[in-house]
């Protein structure tokens, strides 16, 4: 059963001199740092393994991310509506582009429409294929008579348009947040790979040791290390709740003239297939991907499991028990010839097939790049935010499950509330580390079973060119 943290596991304000140490300078880590600093906490330090920030292989280091309130779960709809309001504020320097989101697909889509409508979103139903096609700009209809159709036919689909949704410039937004944290007095230290959680004789985490030998002490250690959560701390046995999955992404580079035809397009999401595609960036790049169960990359780690009764453990580094943990394979771990960016050839073929249903002409073009974007997935799609059971010094803020970035402005509020014991009990139970996920499923995903990454099946340059 899901359990909310007890009062002993949370802070009791105003303990503003408490020392926070956050592991991970991504969406959860930086947003949490800013919200803690804005509440008056003075000692907030963020560590990240990457030498340069934003980390090149972080999921949030991307050209764009979808910002949508289209959720079948009204909790996320309401939170996303709040985030969209924040995205419009000047502090984000125009990172948000409210081009609208066009959602098509299944029963999930209908529930999302109902939630959006009930929460005051500017939405319009698209009950026919023709109405969906008409939601695209006139620039894509101009070549229809010549036989060069630039929009898919959408036969058999219904959908809806949300005028409030859109996309954010992800990497730039993280860079802005990085500066805001430092401006508020936070310390962000790159190049610090945490290898040990240091515990006292009572089993309470009170600091960390980095790979270079540096030790940092803290009253609260917050693990916000994204897709590296389970593999960086195998002794915590989080791999069932914080599973690293690689999602396939591809891009096409357009000329300025080509891009202008697509410039006014919305973000398109197909909840039936998981496919989504963005309008062009200022650099005339169109990105597309599939929101699915993804791929795992299993590596054997060794660690002694940490349990609440293991009070004598000084750290989590007593590595003796082999454990298979999915571990990100990225441009930083496999930099040679951009090997860490390659995706499975089968995924490329599927991406091209799905792109053809939305923008047929783009599916016939050579693509400019690919990427494995590594998520941290929980079985139910809810995040993991709360104290680690039996250890009042250790807190988790992770498992974004492929839908956390849009909440960059406000997700840190949830974490700060949880740390202070202010989170609504039902919400705390939803995010609890030890909630029951034995029969959980993520209804947003088109598939529930991951595939193991086969490095021999990764794409090559010639696979970027469409077969004739």
Foldseek 3Di string as FASTA:
>chain_A
DFFFDDPLLFAAPPPLAFAEEEEALALQRLLLLLVSLVVRRAHYEYEYQAPDPPRPQALLQDQKDWQDLQFLDLVSNVLSVVLLVVCPDCLQVPQWDQLKEKEKEDPGQVSSVVSCVVVPFPKDWFAALVSSVVLADCLQVVCVVVVQHFFFSQHPMIIMIGSSIAMGRRRSSSVSSVVSSVVSNYHYYYNWQWQKFFADLQRAGFWTATPVGDIDGGQAYEYAHWLCRCVSQVLQVQCQFWAKFWWKKFKAADDPVVLVSQQSGGWYAYLQFQKIKHRADPRRMIMITGQAQHAFAKDWFFWNHDDLVPSRDRITPPGDHIDIGGHQQACVNPVVVRLRAWDFLVRLVVNLVVVCNTTVVVSQAQTDGMGTRIGTAGAAQDWAWAARPNHSRYTYGYHNSSPSSSSSNPPSVQNNCSNNVNDDRVSSSRNHSPHDCPPHHHSSHNYNDHHHDDSVRTDDSVSSHDDD
